[in-house]
Amino acid sequence: LAKPIVEGLPYTEAEVVYAVRHELAS
């Protein structure tokens, strides 16, 4: 999950999981 999710930006796949689990992103 440490893999970057968007090329050129620092965001990781873990941040997508976090957004779903803790921020109710759907």
mmCIF file of all heavy atoms, coordinates in Angstrom:
data_MODEL
# 
_entry.id   MODEL 
# 
loop_
_atom_site.group_PDB 
_atom_site.id 
_atom_site.type_symbol 
_atom_site.label_atom_id 
_atom_site.label_alt_id 
_atom_site.label_comp_id 
_atom_site.label_asym_id 
_atom_site.label_entity_id 
_atom_site.label_seq_id 
_atom_site.pdbx_PDB_ins_code 
_atom_site.Cartn_x 
_atom_site.Cartn_y 
_atom_site.Cartn_z 
_atom_site.occupancy 
_atom_site.B_iso_or_equiv 
_atom_site.pdbx_formal_charge 
_atom_site.auth_seq_id 
_atom_site.auth_comp_id 
_atom_site.auth_asym_id 
_atom_site.auth_atom_id 
_atom_site.pdbx_PDB_model_num 
ATOM 1   N N   . LEU A 1 1  ? 0.807   -1.218 0.000   1.00 0.00 ? 1  LEU A N   1 
ATOM 2   C CA  . LEU A 1 1  ? 0.000   0.000  0.000   1.00 0.00 ? 1  LEU A CA  1 
ATOM 3   C C   . LEU A 1 1  ? 0.844   1.273  0.000   1.00 0.00 ? 1  LEU A C   1 
ATOM 4   O O   . LEU A 1 1  ? 0.313   2.374  -0.136  1.00 0.00 ? 1  LEU A O   1 
ATOM 5   C CB  . LEU A 1 1  ? -0.960  0.016  1.193   1.00 0.00 ? 1  LEU A CB  1 
ATOM 6   C CG  . LEU A 1 1  ? -2.077  -1.017 1.163   1.00 0.00 ? 1  LEU A CG  1 
ATOM 7   C CD1 . LEU A 1 1  ? -2.884  -0.950 2.449   1.00 0.00 ? 1  LEU A CD1 1 
ATOM 8   C CD2 . LEU A 1 1  ? -2.973  -0.814 -0.049  1.00 0.00 ? 1  LEU A CD2 1 
ATOM 9   N N   . ALA A 1 2  ? 2.159   1.145  0.114   1.00 0.00 ? 2  ALA A N   1 
ATOM 10  C CA  . ALA A 1 2  ? 3.039   2.313  0.053   1.00 0.00 ? 2  ALA A CA  1 
ATOM 11  C C   . ALA A 1 2  ? 3.237   2.787  -1.388  1.00 0.00 ? 2  ALA A C   1 
ATOM 12  O O   . ALA A 1 2  ? 3.786   3.860  -1.624  1.00 0.00 ? 2  ALA A O   1 
ATOM 13  C CB  . ALA A 1 2  ? 4.394   1.990  0.681   1.00 0.00 ? 2  ALA A CB  1 
ATOM 14  N N   . LYS A 1 3  ? 2.754   2.015  -2.336  1.00 0.00 ? 3  LYS A N   1 
ATOM 15  C CA  . LYS A 1 3  ? 2.902   2.355  -3.758  1.00 0.00 ? 3  LYS A CA  1 
ATOM 16  C C   . LYS A 1 3  ? 2.145   3.649  -4.072  1.00 0.00 ? 3  LYS A C   1 
ATOM 17  O O   . LYS A 1 3  ? 0.995   3.817  -3.651  1.00 0.00 ? 3  LYS A O   1 
ATOM 18  C CB  . LYS A 1 3  ? 2.363   1.206  -4.609  1.00 0.00 ? 3  LYS A CB  1 
ATOM 19  C CG  . LYS A 1 3  ? 2.501   1.421  -6.087  1.00 0.00 ? 3  LYS A CG  1 
ATOM 20  C CD  . LYS A 1 3  ? 1.965   0.227  -6.858  1.00 0.00 ? 3  LYS A CD  1 
ATOM 21  C CE  . LYS A 1 3  ? 2.065   0.495  -8.346  1.00 0.00 ? 3  LYS A CE  1 
ATOM 22  N NZ  . LYS A 1 3  ? 1.383   -0.516 -9.125  1.00 0.00 ? 3  LYS A NZ  1 
ATOM 23  N N   . PRO A 1 4  ? 2.772   4.549  -4.822  1.00 0.00 ? 4  PRO A N   1 
ATOM 24  C CA  . PRO A 1 4  ? 2.059   5.776  -5.222  1.00 0.00 ? 4  PRO A CA  1 
ATOM 25  C C   . PRO A 1 4  ? 0.813   5.441  -6.043  1.00 0.00 ? 4  PRO A C   1 
ATOM 26  O O   . PRO A 1 4  ? 0.824   4.520  -6.849  1.00 0.00 ? 4  PRO A O   1 
ATOM 27  C CB  . PRO A 1 4  ? 3.076   6.521  -6.080  1.00 0.00 ? 4  PRO A CB  1 
ATOM 28  C CG  . PRO A 1 4  ? 4.405   5.980  -5.660  1.00 0.00 ? 4  PRO A CG  1 
ATOM 29  C CD  . PRO A 1 4  ? 4.152   4.544  -5.287  1.00 0.00 ? 4  PRO A CD  1 
ATOM 30  N N   . ILE A 1 5  ? -0.243  6.208  -5.833  1.00 0.00 ? 5  ILE A N   1 
ATOM 31  C CA  . ILE A 1 5  ? -1.502  5.954  -6.537  1.00 0.00 ? 5  ILE A CA  1 
ATOM 32  C C   . ILE A 1 5  ? -1.633  6.815  -7.786  1.00 0.00 ? 5  ILE A C   1 
ATOM 33  O O   . ILE A 1 5  ? -2.224  6.399  -8.774  1.00 0.00 ? 5  ILE A O   1 
ATOM 34  C CB  . ILE A 1 5  ? -2.732  6.132  -5.605  1.00 0.00 ? 5  ILE A CB  1 
ATOM 35  C CG1 . ILE A 1 5  ? -4.001  5.598  -6.249  1.00 0.00 ? 5  ILE A CG1 1 
ATOM 36  C CG2 . ILE A 1 5  ? -2.909  7.561  -5.152  1.00 0.00 ? 5  ILE A CG2 1 
ATOM 37  C CD1 . ILE A 1 5  ? -4.082  4.109  -6.349  1.00 0.00 ? 5  ILE A CD1 1 
ATOM 38  N N   . VAL A 1 6  ? -1.065  8.022  -7.776  1.00 0.00 ? 6  VAL A N   1 
ATOM 39  C CA  . VAL A 1 6  ? -1.141  8.936  -8.921  1.00 0.00 ? 6  VAL A CA  1 
ATOM 40  C C   . VAL A 1 6  ? 0.280   9.349  -9.284  1.00 0.00 ? 6  VAL A C   1 
ATOM 41  O O   . VAL A 1 6  ? 0.995   9.923  -8.457  1.00 0.00 ? 6  VAL A O   1 
ATOM 42  C CB  . VAL A 1 6  ? -1.984  10.191 -8.598  1.00 0.00 ? 6  VAL A CB  1 
ATOM 43  C CG1 . VAL A 1 6  ? -2.013  11.152 -9.782  1.00 0.00 ? 6  VAL A CG1 1 
ATOM 44  C CG2 . VAL A 1 6  ? -3.402  9.806  -8.185  1.00 0.00 ? 6  VAL A CG2 1 
ATOM 45  N N   . GLU A 1 7  ? 0.660   9.059  -10.505 1.00 0.00 ? 7  GLU A N   1 
ATOM 46  C CA  . GLU A 1 7  ? 2.014   9.383  -10.954 1.00 0.00 ? 7  GLU A CA  1 
ATOM 47  C C   . GLU A 1 7  ? 2.303   10.876 -10.768 1.00 0.00 ? 7  GLU A C   1 
ATOM 48  O O   . GLU A 1 7  ? 1.500   11.733 -11.133 1.00 0.00 ? 7  GLU A O   1 
ATOM 49  C CB  . GLU A 1 7  ? 2.176   9.014  -12.430 1.00 0.00 ? 7  GLU A CB  1 
ATOM 50  C CG  . GLU A 1 7  ? 3.577   9.218  -12.942 1.00 0.00 ? 7  GLU A CG  1 
ATOM 51  C CD  . GLU A 1 7  ? 3.733   8.823  -14.393 1.00 0.00 ? 7  GLU A CD  1 
ATOM 52  O OE1 . GLU A 1 7  ? 2.893   8.081  -14.934 1.00 0.00 ? 7  GLU A OE1 1 
ATOM 53  O OE2 . GLU A 1 7  ? 4.719   9.274  -14.987 1.00 0.00 ? 7  GLU A OE2 1 
ATOM 54  N N   . GLY A 1 8  ? 3.448   11.153 -10.149 1.00 0.00 ? 8  GLY A N   1 
ATOM 55  C CA  . GLY A 1 8  ? 3.876   12.529 -9.951  1.00 0.00 ? 8  GLY A CA  1 
ATOM 56  C C   . GLY A 1 8  ? 3.397   13.177 -8.675  1.00 0.00 ? 8  GLY A C   1 
ATOM 57  O O   . GLY A 1 8  ? 3.792   14.297 -8.363  1.00 0.00 ? 8  GLY A O   1 
ATOM 58  N N   . LEU A 1 9  ? 2.548   12.496 -7.928  1.00 0.00 ? 9  LEU A N   1 
ATOM 59  C CA  . LEU A 1 9  ? 2.048   13.031 -6.658  1.00 0.00 ? 9  LEU A CA  1 
ATOM 60  C C   . LEU A 1 9  ? 2.453   12.088 -5.529  1.00 0.00 ? 9  LEU A C   1 
ATOM 61  O O   . LEU A 1 9  ? 2.631   10.895 -5.753  1.00 0.00 ? 9  LEU A O   1 
ATOM 62  C CB  . LEU A 1 9  ? 0.524   13.179 -6.692  1.00 0.00 ? 9  LEU A CB  1 
ATOM 63  C CG  . LEU A 1 9  ? -0.028  14.185 -7.701  1.00 0.00 ? 9  LEU A CG  1 
ATOM 64  C CD1 . LEU A 1 9  ? -1.556  14.198 -7.654  1.00 0.00 ? 9  LEU A CD1 1 
ATOM 65  C CD2 . LEU A 1 9  ? 0.513   15.578 -7.445  1.00 0.00 ? 9  LEU A CD2 1 
ATOM 66  N N   . PRO A 1 10 ? 2.567   12.603 -4.314  1.00 0.00 ? 10 PRO A N   1 
ATOM 67  C CA  . PRO A 1 10 ? 3.070   11.784 -3.205  1.00 0.00 ? 10 PRO A CA  1 
ATOM 68  C C   . PRO A 1 10 ? 2.049   10.849 -2.563  1.00 0.00 ? 10 PRO A C   1 
ATOM 69  O O   . PRO A 1 10 ? 2.374   10.141 -1.617  1.00 0.00 ? 10 PRO A O   1 
ATOM 70  C CB  . PRO A 1 10 ? 3.550   12.826 -2.194  1.00 0.00 ? 10 PRO A CB  1 
ATOM 71  C CG  . PRO A 1 10 ? 2.669   14.003 -2.434  1.00 0.00 ? 10 PRO A CG  1 
ATOM 72  C CD  . PRO A 1 10 ? 2.424   14.006 -3.927  1.00 0.00 ? 10 PRO A CD  1 
ATOM 73  N N   . TYR A 1 11 ? 0.842   10.821 -3.050  1.00 0.00 ? 11 TYR A N   1 
ATOM 74  C CA  . TYR A 1 11 ? -0.205  10.031 -2.414  1.00 0.00 ? 11 TYR A CA  1 
ATOM 75  C C   . TYR A 1 11 ? -0.034  8.542  -2.680  1.00 0.00 ? 11 TYR A C   1 
ATOM 76  O O   . TYR A 1 11 ? 0.336   8.139  -3.764  1.00 0.00 ? 11 TYR A O   1 
ATOM 77  C CB  . TYR A 1 11 ? -1.581  10.510 -2.880  1.00 0.00 ? 11 TYR A CB  1 
ATOM 78  C CG  . TYR A 1 11 ? -1.756  11.972 -2.613  1.00 0.00 ? 11 TYR A CG  1 
ATOM 79  C CD1 . TYR A 1 11 ? -1.625  12.894 -3.635  1.00 0.00 ? 11 TYR A CD1 1 
ATOM 80  C CD2 . TYR A 1 11 ? -1.978  12.432 -1.327  1.00 0.00 ? 11 TYR A CD2 1 
ATOM 81  C CE1 . TYR A 1 11 ? -1.746  14.248 -3.392  1.00 0.00 ? 11 TYR A CE1 1 
ATOM 82  C CE2 . TYR A 1 11 ? -2.094  13.781 -1.066  1.00 0.00 ? 11 TYR A CE2 1 
ATOM 83  C CZ  . TYR A 1 11 ? -1.973  14.691 -2.099  1.00 0.00 ? 11 TYR A CZ  1 
ATOM 84  O OH  . TYR A 1 11 ? -2.079  16.031 -1.844  1.00 0.00 ? 11 TYR A OH  1 
ATOM 85  N N   . THR A 1 12 ? -0.356  7.738  -1.663  1.00 0.00 ? 12 THR A N   1 
ATOM 86  C CA  . THR A 1 12 ? -0.169  6.292  -1.736  1.00 0.00 ? 12 THR A CA  1 
ATOM 87  C C   . THR A 1 12 ? -1.513  5.564  -1.787  1.00 0.00 ? 12 THR A C   1 
ATOM 88  O O   . THR A 1 12 ? -2.559  6.148  -1.482  1.00 0.00 ? 12 THR A O   1 
ATOM 89  C CB  . THR A 1 12 ? 0.604   5.784  -0.504  1.00 0.00 ? 12 THR A CB  1 
ATOM 90  O OG1 . THR A 1 12 ? -0.208  6.009  0.659   1.00 0.00 ? 12 THR A OG1 1 
ATOM 91  C CG2 . THR A 1 12 ? 1.954   6.458  -0.359  1.00 0.00 ? 12 THR A CG2 1 
ATOM 92  N N   . GLU A 1 13 ? -1.428  4.292  -2.129  1.00 0.00 ? 13 GLU A N   1 
ATOM 93  C CA  . GLU A 1 13 ? -2.637  3.460  -2.106  1.00 0.00 ? 13 GLU A CA  1 
ATOM 94  C C   . GLU A 1 13 ? -3.221  3.394  -0.697  1.00 0.00 ? 13 GLU A C   1 
ATOM 95  O O   . GLU A 1 13 ? -4.437  3.319  -0.526  1.00 0.00 ? 13 GLU A O   1 
ATOM 96  C CB  . GLU A 1 13 ? -2.329  2.074  -2.645  1.00 0.00 ? 13 GLU A CB  1 
ATOM 97  C CG  . GLU A 1 13 ? -2.027  2.073  -4.132  1.00 0.00 ? 13 GLU A CG  1 
ATOM 98  C CD  . GLU A 1 13 ? -1.857  0.692  -4.722  1.00 0.00 ? 13 GLU A CD  1 
ATOM 99  O OE1 . GLU A 1 13 ? -2.038  -0.316 -3.999  1.00 0.00 ? 13 GLU A OE1 1 
ATOM 100 O OE2 . GLU A 1 13 ? -1.559  0.618  -5.928  1.00 0.00 ? 13 GLU A OE2 1 
ATOM 101 N N   . ALA A 1 14 ? -2.366  3.444  0.312   1.00 0.00 ? 14 ALA A N   1 
ATOM 102 C CA  . ALA A 1 14 ? -2.845  3.427  1.696   1.00 0.00 ? 14 ALA A CA  1 
ATOM 103 C C   . ALA A 1 14 ? -3.750  4.615  1.978   1.00 0.00 ? 14 ALA A C   1 
ATOM 104 O O   . ALA A 1 14 ? -4.707  4.506  2.763   1.00 0.00 ? 14 ALA A O   1 
ATOM 105 C CB  . ALA A 1 14 ? -1.672  3.421  2.667   1.00 0.00 ? 14 ALA A CB  1 
ATOM 106 N N   . GLU A 1 15 ? -3.489  5.730  1.332   1.00 0.00 ? 15 GLU A N   1 
ATOM 107 C CA  . GLU A 1 15 ? -4.314  6.906  1.552   1.00 0.00 ? 15 GLU A CA  1 
ATOM 108 C C   . GLU A 1 15 ? -5.705  6.741  0.949   1.00 0.00 ? 15 GLU A C   1 
ATOM 109 O O   . GLU A 1 15 ? -6.675  7.319  1.455   1.00 0.00 ? 15 GLU A O   1 
ATOM 110 C CB  . GLU A 1 15 ? -3.606  8.151  1.016   1.00 0.00 ? 15 GLU A CB  1 
ATOM 111 C CG  . GLU A 1 15 ? -2.388  8.486  1.868   1.00 0.00 ? 15 GLU A CG  1 
ATOM 112 C CD  . GLU A 1 15 ? -1.557  9.595  1.305   1.00 0.00 ? 15 GLU A CD  1 
ATOM 113 O OE1 . GLU A 1 15 ? -1.907  10.773 1.567   1.00 0.00 ? 15 GLU A OE1 1 
ATOM 114 O OE2 . GLU A 1 15 ? -0.562  9.293  0.609   1.00 0.00 ? 15 GLU A OE2 1 
ATOM 115 N N   . VAL A 1 16 ? -5.809  5.947  -0.093  1.00 0.00 ? 16 VAL A N   1 
ATOM 116 C CA  . VAL A 1 16 ? -7.123  5.627  -0.652  1.00 0.00 ? 16 VAL A CA  1 
ATOM 117 C C   . VAL A 1 16 ? -7.883  4.762  0.353   1.00 0.00 ? 16 VAL A C   1 
ATOM 118 O O   . VAL A 1 16 ? -9.060  5.011  0.645   1.00 0.00 ? 16 VAL A O   1 
ATOM 119 C CB  . VAL A 1 16 ? -7.000  4.924  -2.014  1.00 0.00 ? 16 VAL A CB  1 
ATOM 120 C CG1 . VAL A 1 16 ? -8.381  4.505  -2.528  1.00 0.00 ? 16 VAL A CG1 1 
ATOM 121 C CG2 . VAL A 1 16 ? -6.283  5.808  -3.022  1.00 0.00 ? 16 VAL A CG2 1 
ATOM 122 N N   . VAL A 1 17 ? -7.212  3.761  0.894   1.00 0.00 ? 17 VAL A N   1 
ATOM 123 C CA  . VAL A 1 17 ? -7.842  2.892  1.902   1.00 0.00 ? 17 VAL A CA  1 
ATOM 124 C C   . VAL A 1 17 ? -8.268  3.736  3.110   1.00 0.00 ? 17 VAL A C   1 
ATOM 125 O O   . VAL A 1 17 ? -9.389  3.597  3.610   1.00 0.00 ? 17 VAL A O   1 
ATOM 126 C CB  . VAL A 1 17 ? -6.890  1.752  2.324   1.00 0.00 ? 17 VAL A CB  1 
ATOM 127 C CG1 . VAL A 1 17 ? -7.485  0.947  3.479   1.00 0.00 ? 17 VAL A CG1 1 
ATOM 128 C CG2 . VAL A 1 17 ? -6.576  0.849  1.134   1.00 0.00 ? 17 VAL A CG2 1 
ATOM 129 N N   . TYR A 1 18 ? -7.397  4.622  3.557   1.00 0.00 ? 18 TYR A N   1 
ATOM 130 C CA  . TYR A 1 18 ? -7.721  5.505  4.682   1.00 0.00 ? 18 TYR A CA  1 
ATOM 131 C C   . TYR A 1 18 ? -8.961  6.349  4.361   1.00 0.00 ? 18 TYR A C   1 
ATOM 132 O O   . TYR A 1 18 ? -9.858  6.503  5.202   1.00 0.00 ? 18 TYR A O   1 
ATOM 133 C CB  . TYR A 1 18 ? -6.530  6.405  5.015   1.00 0.00 ? 18 TYR A CB  1 
ATOM 134 C CG  . TYR A 1 18 ? -6.830  7.402  6.094   1.00 0.00 ? 18 TYR A CG  1 
ATOM 135 C CD1 . TYR A 1 18 ? -6.711  7.057  7.443   1.00 0.00 ? 18 TYR A CD1 1 
ATOM 136 C CD2 . TYR A 1 18 ? -7.258  8.691  5.788   1.00 0.00 ? 18 TYR A CD2 1 
ATOM 137 C CE1 . TYR A 1 18 ? -7.000  7.974  8.442   1.00 0.00 ? 18 TYR A CE1 1 
ATOM 138 C CE2 . TYR A 1 18 ? -7.557  9.609  6.780   1.00 0.00 ? 18 TYR A CE2 1 
ATOM 139 C CZ  . TYR A 1 18 ? -7.426  9.246  8.102   1.00 0.00 ? 18 TYR A CZ  1 
ATOM 140 O OH  . TYR A 1 18 ? -7.726  10.151 9.089   1.00 0.00 ? 18 TYR A OH  1 
ATOM 141 N N   . ALA A 1 19 ? -9.005  6.909  3.146   1.00 0.00 ? 19 ALA A N   1 
ATOM 142 C CA  . ALA A 1 19 ? -10.144 7.745  2.759   1.00 0.00 ? 19 ALA A CA  1 
ATOM 143 C C   . ALA A 1 19 ? -11.454 6.971  2.839   1.00 0.00 ? 19 ALA A C   1 
ATOM 144 O O   . ALA A 1 19 ? -12.475 7.506  3.261   1.00 0.00 ? 19 ALA A O   1 
ATOM 145 C CB  . ALA A 1 19 ? -9.929  8.299  1.353   1.00 0.00 ? 19 ALA A CB  1 
ATOM 146 N N   . VAL A 1 20 ? -11.418 5.709  2.448   1.00 0.00 ? 20 VAL A N   1 
ATOM 147 C CA  . VAL A 1 20 ? -12.624 4.877  2.515   1.00 0.00 ? 20 VAL A CA  1 
ATOM 148 C C   . VAL A 1 20 ? -12.974 4.546  3.958   1.00 0.00 ? 20 VAL A C   1 
ATOM 149 O O   . VAL A 1 20 ? -14.121 4.711  4.389   1.00 0.00 ? 20 VAL A O   1 
ATOM 150 C CB  . VAL A 1 20 ? -12.441 3.580  1.691   1.00 0.00 ? 20 VAL A CB  1 
ATOM 151 C CG1 . VAL A 1 20 ? -13.604 2.626  1.905   1.00 0.00 ? 20 VAL A CG1 1 
ATOM 152 C CG2 . VAL A 1 20 ? -12.257 3.894  0.215   1.00 0.00 ? 20 VAL A CG2 1 
ATOM 153 N N   . ARG A 1 21 ? -11.999 4.092  4.708   1.00 0.00 ? 21 ARG A N   1 
ATOM 154 C CA  . ARG A 1 21 ? -12.269 3.609  6.067   1.00 0.00 ? 21 ARG A CA  1 
ATOM 155 C C   . ARG A 1 21 ? -12.512 4.715  7.087   1.00 0.00 ? 21 ARG A C   1 
ATOM 156 O O   . ARG A 1 21 ? -13.289 4.535  8.031   1.00 0.00 ? 21 ARG A O   1 
ATOM 157 C CB  . ARG A 1 21 ? -11.105 2.748  6.555   1.00 0.00 ? 21 ARG A CB  1 
ATOM 158 C CG  . ARG A 1 21 ? -10.980 1.445  5.810   1.00 0.00 ? 21 ARG A CG  1 
ATOM 159 C CD  . ARG A 1 21 ? -9.847  0.616  6.366   1.00 0.00 ? 21 ARG A CD  1 
ATOM 160 N NE  . ARG A 1 21 ? -9.623  -0.587 5.565   1.00 0.00 ? 21 ARG A NE  1 
ATOM 161 C CZ  . ARG A 1 21 ? -8.638  -1.438 5.792   1.00 0.00 ? 21 ARG A CZ  1 
ATOM 162 N NH1 . ARG A 1 21 ? -7.791  -1.227 6.794   1.00 0.00 ? 21 ARG A NH1 1 
ATOM 163 N NH2 . ARG A 1 21 ? -8.499  -2.501 5.012   1.00 0.00 ? 21 ARG A NH2 1 
ATOM 164 N N   . HIS A 1 22 ? -11.858 5.855  6.936   1.00 0.00 ? 22 HIS A N   1 
ATOM 165 C CA  . HIS A 1 22 ? -11.919 6.889  7.973   1.00 0.00 ? 22 HIS A CA  1 
ATOM 166 C C   . HIS A 1 22 ? -12.591 8.184  7.536   1.00 0.00 ? 22 HIS A C   1 
ATOM 167 O O   . HIS A 1 22 ? -12.961 9.000  8.384   1.00 0.00 ? 22 HIS A O   1 
ATOM 168 C CB  . HIS A 1 22 ? -10.518 7.201  8.487   1.00 0.00 ? 22 HIS A CB  1 
ATOM 169 C CG  . HIS A 1 22 ? -9.847  6.028  9.127   1.00 0.00 ? 22 HIS A CG  1 
ATOM 170 N ND1 . HIS A 1 22 ? -10.051 5.675  10.434  1.00 0.00 ? 22 HIS A ND1 1 
ATOM 171 C CD2 . HIS A 1 22 ? -8.993  5.098  8.622   1.00 0.00 ? 22 HIS A CD2 1 
ATOM 172 C CE1 . HIS A 1 22 ? -9.347  4.596  10.719  1.00 0.00 ? 22 HIS A CE1 1 
ATOM 173 N NE2 . HIS A 1 22 ? -8.701  4.220  9.639   1.00 0.00 ? 22 HIS A NE2 1 
ATOM 174 N N   . GLU A 1 23 ? -12.709 8.398  6.232   1.00 0.00 ? 23 GLU A N   1 
ATOM 175 C CA  . GLU A 1 23 ? -13.302 9.643  5.744   1.00 0.00 ? 23 GLU A CA  1 
ATOM 176 C C   . GLU A 1 23 ? -14.594 9.396  4.962   1.00 0.00 ? 23 GLU A C   1 
ATOM 177 O O   . GLU A 1 23 ? -15.165 10.322 4.412   1.00 0.00 ? 23 GLU A O   1 
ATOM 178 C CB  . GLU A 1 23 ? -12.302 10.385 4.860   1.00 0.00 ? 23 GLU A CB  1 
ATOM 179 C CG  . GLU A 1 23 ? -11.047 10.816 5.603   1.00 0.00 ? 23 GLU A CG  1 
ATOM 180 C CD  . GLU A 1 23 ? -10.019 11.481 4.698   1.00 0.00 ? 23 GLU A CD  1 
ATOM 181 O OE1 . GLU A 1 23 ? -10.041 11.242 3.464   1.00 0.00 ? 23 GLU A OE1 1 
ATOM 182 O OE2 . GLU A 1 23 ? -9.201  12.250 5.223   1.00 0.00 ? 23 GLU A OE2 1 
ATOM 183 N N   . LEU A 1 24 ? -15.021 8.144  4.897   1.00 0.00 ? 24 LEU A N   1 
ATOM 184 C CA  . LEU A 1 24 ? -16.266 7.736  4.249   1.00 0.00 ? 24 LEU A CA  1 
ATOM 185 C C   . LEU A 1 24 ? -16.298 8.012  2.748   1.00 0.00 ? 24 LEU A C   1 
ATOM 186 O O   . LEU A 1 24 ? -17.369 8.208  2.171   1.00 0.00 ? 24 LEU A O   1 
ATOM 187 C CB  . LEU A 1 24 ? -17.476 8.371  4.944   1.00 0.00 ? 24 LEU A CB  1 
ATOM 188 C CG  . LEU A 1 24 ? -17.596 8.086  6.446   1.00 0.00 ? 24 LEU A CG  1 
ATOM 189 C CD1 . LEU A 1 24 ? -18.793 8.808  7.029   1.00 0.00 ? 24 LEU A CD1 1 
ATOM 190 C CD2 . LEU A 1 24 ? -17.665 6.599  6.720   1.00 0.00 ? 24 LEU A CD2 1 
ATOM 191 N N   . ALA A 1 25 ? -15.145 8.037  2.102   1.00 0.00 ? 25 ALA A N   1 
ATOM 192 C CA  . ALA A 1 25 ? -15.112 8.165  0.647   1.00 0.00 ? 25 ALA A CA  1 
ATOM 193 C C   . ALA A 1 25 ? -15.737 6.911  0.045   1.00 0.00 ? 25 ALA A C   1 
ATOM 194 O O   . ALA A 1 25 ? -15.501 5.804  0.522   1.00 0.00 ? 25 ALA A O   1 
ATOM 195 C CB  . ALA A 1 25 ? -13.682 8.332  0.160   1.00 0.00 ? 25 ALA A CB  1 
ATOM 196 N N   . SER A 1 26 ? -16.513 7.096  -1.023  1.00 0.00 ? 26 SER A N   1 
ATOM 197 C CA  . SER A 1 26 ? -17.194 5.928  -1.586  1.00 0.00 ? 26 SER A CA  1 
ATOM 198 C C   . SER A 1 26 ? -17.166 5.862  -3.108  1.00 0.00 ? 26 SER A C   1 
ATOM 199 O O   . SER A 1 26 ? -17.706 4.925  -3.685  1.00 0.00 ? 26 SER A O   1 
ATOM 200 C CB  . SER A 1 26 ? -18.643 5.880  -1.108  1.00 0.00 ? 26 SER A CB  1 
ATOM 201 O OG  . SER A 1 26 ? -19.329 7.041  -1.529  1.00 0.00 ? 26 SER A OG  1 
# 
